[in-house]
Amino acid sequence: MRLLLVVLLALPSLAMALPALQDTELYQRKTADCHDVDLATWHHPARAVLEKNQVKLERVQLCNQDHYPIFTGQVPYDPTGLTKSYFLSLYQELRKANGKWPYALVATSDDIVVYVSYPANDGIALDYERYEAP
């Protein structure tokens, strides 16, 4: 009986296990043919925006025929926290710098993927996915 209770108590935590980054929707369904850019030589307006906003870039990948970037790095705040003004400003600046193309921001400081797109109504569409840190 005691073993059954332990197993039953562990089940919710098993069901709530997060995927590894490579097993997220980002890499399993949203992107294909990703390749890294060389950060030592990569010059793009999006980089200037990210660095100006204290995002410490660790990796940049281009996917989907180079039309979907994945910006990976440490961000100064939790993307899902009470820092809406910081992130909305960042997303607006990236909108222009990235030519209104959708992208993902992988916040390694918070183990979260932020999917950012810009609908025709000039809004900002956001979606979030947590992942298990390595």
C-alpha atoms as a PDB file:
ATOM      1  CA  MET A   1       0.000   0.000   0.000  1.00  0.00           C
ATOM      2  CA  ARG A   2       2.789   2.411   0.885  1.00  0.00           C
ATOM      3  CA  LEU A   3       4.539   1.786  -2.481  1.00  0.00           C
ATOM      4  CA  LEU A   4       1.295   2.471  -4.355  1.00  0.00           C
ATOM      5  CA  LEU A   5       0.914   5.780  -2.522  1.00  0.00           C
ATOM      6  CA  VAL A   6       4.471   6.810  -3.433  1.00  0.00           C
ATOM      7  CA  VAL A   7       3.858   5.926  -7.091  1.00  0.00           C
ATOM      8  CA  LEU A   8       0.567   7.846  -7.162  1.00  0.00           C
ATOM      9  CA  LEU A   9       2.203  10.903  -5.614  1.00  0.00           C
ATOM     10  CA  ALA A  10       4.955  10.801  -8.235  1.00  0.00           C
ATOM     11  CA  LEU A  11       2.571  10.589 -11.211  1.00  0.00           C
ATOM     12  CA  PRO A  12       1.694  14.301 -11.371  1.00  0.00           C
ATOM     13  CA  SER A  13       5.368  15.231 -11.528  1.00  0.00           C
ATOM     14  CA  LEU A  14       5.922  12.722 -14.336  1.00  0.00           C
ATOM     15  CA  ALA A  15       3.023  14.173 -16.301  1.00  0.00           C
ATOM     16  CA  MET A  16       4.414  17.682 -15.864  1.00  0.00           C
ATOM     17  CA  ALA A  17       7.900  16.876 -17.150  1.00  0.00           C
ATOM     18  CA  LEU A  18       9.139  19.512 -19.561  1.00  0.00           C
ATOM     19  CA  PRO A  19      10.690  18.688 -22.920  1.00  0.00           C
ATOM     20  CA  ALA A  20      14.345  19.256 -23.638  1.00  0.00           C
ATOM     21  CA  LEU A  21      14.919  22.270 -25.893  1.00  0.00           C
ATOM     22  CA  GLN A  22      15.481  20.081 -28.961  1.00  0.00           C
ATOM     23  CA  ASP A  23      12.122  18.376 -28.279  1.00  0.00           C
ATOM     24  CA  THR A  24      10.066  21.576 -28.076  1.00  0.00           C
ATOM     25  CA  GLU A  25       7.527  22.676 -30.675  1.00  0.00           C
ATOM     26  CA  LEU A  26      10.204  25.050 -31.926  1.00  0.00           C
ATOM     27  CA  TYR A  27      12.446  22.297 -33.245  1.00  0.00           C
ATOM     28  CA  GLN A  28       9.841  19.584 -33.780  1.00  0.00           C
ATOM     29  CA  ARG A  29       7.130  21.496 -35.679  1.00  0.00           C
ATOM     30  CA  LYS A  30       7.845  25.182 -36.276  1.00  0.00           C
ATOM     31  CA  THR A  31      11.276  25.073 -37.893  1.00  0.00           C
ATOM     32  CA  ALA A  32      13.298  23.060 -40.370  1.00  0.00           C
ATOM     33  CA  ASP A  33      16.768  23.214 -41.872  1.00  0.00           C
ATOM     34  CA  CYS A  34      18.238  25.359 -39.106  1.00  0.00           C
ATOM     35  CA  HIS A  35      21.848  26.421 -39.263  1.00  0.00           C
ATOM     36  CA  ASP A  36      23.993  28.488 -36.935  1.00  0.00           C
ATOM     37  CA  VAL A  37      25.353  31.857 -37.900  1.00  0.00           C
ATOM     38  CA  ASP A  38      28.857  32.821 -36.865  1.00  0.00           C
ATOM     39  CA  LEU A  39      28.371  35.370 -34.103  1.00  0.00           C
ATOM     40  CA  ALA A  40      31.895  36.673 -34.648  1.00  0.00           C
ATOM     41  CA  THR A  41      30.976  37.873 -38.128  1.00  0.00           C
ATOM     42  CA  TRP A  42      27.177  38.225 -37.970  1.00  0.00           C
ATOM     43  CA  HIS A  43      26.130  41.839 -38.452  1.00  0.00           C
ATOM     44  CA  HIS A  44      22.396  42.453 -38.575  1.00  0.00           C
ATOM     45  CA  PRO A  45      20.107  45.209 -37.255  1.00  0.00           C
ATOM     46  CA  ALA A  46      18.444  42.641 -34.960  1.00  0.00           C
ATOM     47  CA  ARG A  47      21.762  42.060 -33.198  1.00  0.00           C
ATOM     48  CA  ALA A  48      22.104  45.746 -32.396  1.00  0.00           C
ATOM     49  CA  VAL A  49      18.579  45.791 -30.940  1.00  0.00           C
ATOM     50  CA  LEU A  50      19.204  42.692 -28.822  1.00  0.00           C
ATOM     51  CA  GLU A  51      22.517  43.972 -27.488  1.00  0.00           C
ATOM     52  CA  LYS A  52      21.096  47.436 -26.787  1.00  0.00           C
ATOM     53  CA  ASN A  53      18.446  45.716 -24.658  1.00  0.00           C
ATOM     54  CA  GLN A  54      21.052  43.736 -22.680  1.00  0.00           C
ATOM     55  CA  VAL A  55      20.287  40.370 -24.291  1.00  0.00           C
ATOM     56  CA  LYS A  56      23.485  38.323 -24.041  1.00  0.00           C
ATOM     57  CA  LEU A  57      23.438  36.379 -27.288  1.00  0.00           C
ATOM     58  CA  GLU A  58      24.725  32.827 -27.078  1.00  0.00           C
ATOM     59  CA  ARG A  59      23.538  31.535 -30.431  1.00  0.00           C
ATOM     60  CA  VAL A  60      21.628  32.610 -33.532  1.00  0.00           C
ATOM     61  CA  GLN A  61      20.142  30.151 -35.973  1.00  0.00           C
ATOM     62  CA  LEU A  62      18.374  30.754 -39.259  1.00  0.00           C
ATOM     63  CA  CYS A  63      15.622  28.296 -40.167  1.00  0.00           C
ATOM     64  CA  ASN A  64      12.873  27.816 -42.750  1.00  0.00           C
ATOM     65  CA  GLN A  65      14.940  28.960 -45.722  1.00  0.00           C
ATOM     66  CA  ASP A  66      16.597  31.683 -43.606  1.00  0.00           C
ATOM     67  CA  HIS A  67      13.247  33.385 -42.882  1.00  0.00           C
ATOM     68  CA  TYR A  68      12.859  32.329 -39.235  1.00  0.00           C
ATOM     69  CA  PRO A  69      15.617  33.300 -36.817  1.00  0.00           C
ATOM     70  CA  ILE A  70      16.066  31.786 -33.410  1.00  0.00           C
ATOM     71  CA  PHE A  71      17.794  34.182 -31.030  1.00  0.00           C
ATOM     72  CA  THR A  72      19.203  32.309 -28.033  1.00  0.00           C
ATOM     73  CA  GLY A  73      20.608  34.056 -25.006  1.00  0.00           C
ATOM     74  CA  GLN A  74      20.199  35.386 -21.528  1.00  0.00           C
ATOM     75  CA  VAL A  75      17.605  38.105 -21.079  1.00  0.00           C
ATOM     76  CA  PRO A  76      17.666  40.513 -18.131  1.00  0.00           C
ATOM     77  CA  TYR A  77      14.067  39.786 -17.062  1.00  0.00           C
ATOM     78  CA  ASP A  78      11.558  36.941 -17.020  1.00  0.00           C
ATOM     79  CA  PRO A  79       9.619  37.154 -20.319  1.00  0.00           C
ATOM     80  CA  THR A  80       6.434  36.078 -18.532  1.00  0.00           C
ATOM     81  CA  GLY A  81       6.904  38.343 -15.525  1.00  0.00           C
ATOM     82  CA  LEU A  82       5.893  41.896 -14.729  1.00  0.00           C
ATOM     83  CA  THR A  83       8.256  43.377 -17.305  1.00  0.00           C
ATOM     84  CA  LYS A  84       5.774  43.902 -20.101  1.00  0.00           C
ATOM     85  CA  SER A  85       7.030  47.380 -21.003  1.00  0.00           C
ATOM     86  CA  TYR A  86      10.601  46.112 -21.478  1.00  0.00           C
ATOM     87  CA  PHE A  87       9.578  43.211 -23.707  1.00  0.00           C
ATOM     88  CA  LEU A  88       6.960  45.080 -25.747  1.00  0.00           C
ATOM     89  CA  SER A  89       9.557  47.721 -26.549  1.00  0.00           C
ATOM     90  CA  LEU A  90      12.069  45.006 -27.477  1.00  0.00           C
ATOM     91  CA  TYR A  91       9.546  43.226 -29.724  1.00  0.00           C
ATOM     92  CA  GLN A  92       8.611  46.509 -31.430  1.00  0.00           C
ATOM     93  CA  GLU A  93      12.254  47.298 -32.144  1.00  0.00           C
ATOM     94  CA  LEU A  94      12.863  43.766 -33.429  1.00  0.00           C
ATOM     95  CA  ARG A  95       9.813  44.080 -35.671  1.00  0.00           C
ATOM     96  CA  LYS A  96      11.557  46.757 -37.703  1.00  0.00           C
ATOM     97  CA  ALA A  97      15.058  45.278 -37.432  1.00  0.00           C
ATOM     98  CA  ASN A  98      13.893  41.836 -38.578  1.00  0.00           C
ATOM     99  CA  GLY A  99      11.607  43.021 -41.373  1.00  0.00           C
ATOM    100  CA  LYS A 100       8.384  41.905 -39.605  1.00  0.00           C
ATOM    101  CA  TRP A 101       9.411  38.247 -39.934  1.00  0.00           C
ATOM    102  CA  PRO A 102       8.370  35.975 -37.050  1.00  0.00           C
ATOM    103  CA  TYR A 103      11.101  34.596 -34.819  1.00  0.00           C
ATOM    104  CA  ALA A 104      11.748  32.783 -31.567  1.00  0.00           C
ATOM    105  CA  LEU A 105      13.616  34.115 -28.578  1.00  0.00           C
ATOM    106  CA  VAL A 106      15.053  31.327 -26.439  1.00  0.00           C
ATOM    107  CA  ALA A 107      15.608  32.846 -23.006  1.00  0.00           C
ATOM    108  CA  THR A 108      18.207  30.550 -21.452  1.00  0.00           C
ATOM    109  CA  SER A 109      18.063  32.582 -18.252  1.00  0.00           C
ATOM    110  CA  ASP A 110      14.439  31.445 -17.752  1.00  0.00           C
ATOM    111  CA  ASP A 111      14.255  28.193 -19.776  1.00  0.00           C
ATOM    112  CA  ILE A 112      11.493  29.502 -22.003  1.00  0.00           C
ATOM    113  CA  VAL A 113      10.903  29.908 -25.713  1.00  0.00           C
ATOM    114  CA  VAL A 114       9.026  33.029 -26.748  1.00  0.00           C
ATOM    115  CA  TYR A 115       7.390  32.835 -30.159  1.00  0.00           C
ATOM    116  CA  VAL A 116       6.914  36.299 -31.635  1.00  0.00           C
ATOM    117  CA  SER A 117       4.935  37.161 -34.749  1.00  0.00           C
ATOM    118  CA  TYR A 118       3.326  40.278 -36.130  1.00  0.00           C
ATOM    119  CA  PRO A 119      -0.245  39.855 -37.393  1.00  0.00           C
ATOM    120  CA  ALA A 120      -1.568  42.028 -40.191  1.00  0.00           C
ATOM    121  CA  ASN A 121      -3.271  44.338 -37.687  1.00  0.00           C
ATOM    122  CA  ASP A 122       0.168  45.625 -36.570  1.00  0.00           C
ATOM    123  CA  GLY A 123      -0.143  43.868 -33.229  1.00  0.00           C
ATOM    124  CA  ILE A 124       2.296  41.538 -31.569  1.00  0.00           C
ATOM    125  CA  ALA A 125       1.345  37.886 -31.128  1.00  0.00           C
ATOM    126  CA  LEU A 126       3.200  36.013 -28.381  1.00  0.00           C
ATOM    127  CA  ASP A 127       3.269  32.393 -27.337  1.00  0.00           C
ATOM    128  CA  TYR A 128       5.440  30.725 -24.717  1.00  0.00           C
ATOM    129  CA  GLU A 129       6.852  27.249 -24.210  1.00  0.00           C
ATOM    130  CA  ARG A 130       8.884  26.108 -21.239  1.00  0.00           C
ATOM    131  CA  TYR A 131      11.678  23.568 -21.621  1.00  0.00           C
ATOM    132  CA  GLU A 132      13.909  21.574 -19.324  1.00  0.00           C
ATOM    133  CA  ALA A 133      17.353  23.092 -18.859  1.00  0.00           C
ATOM    134  CA  PRO A 134      20.219  20.729 -19.673  1.00  0.00           C
END
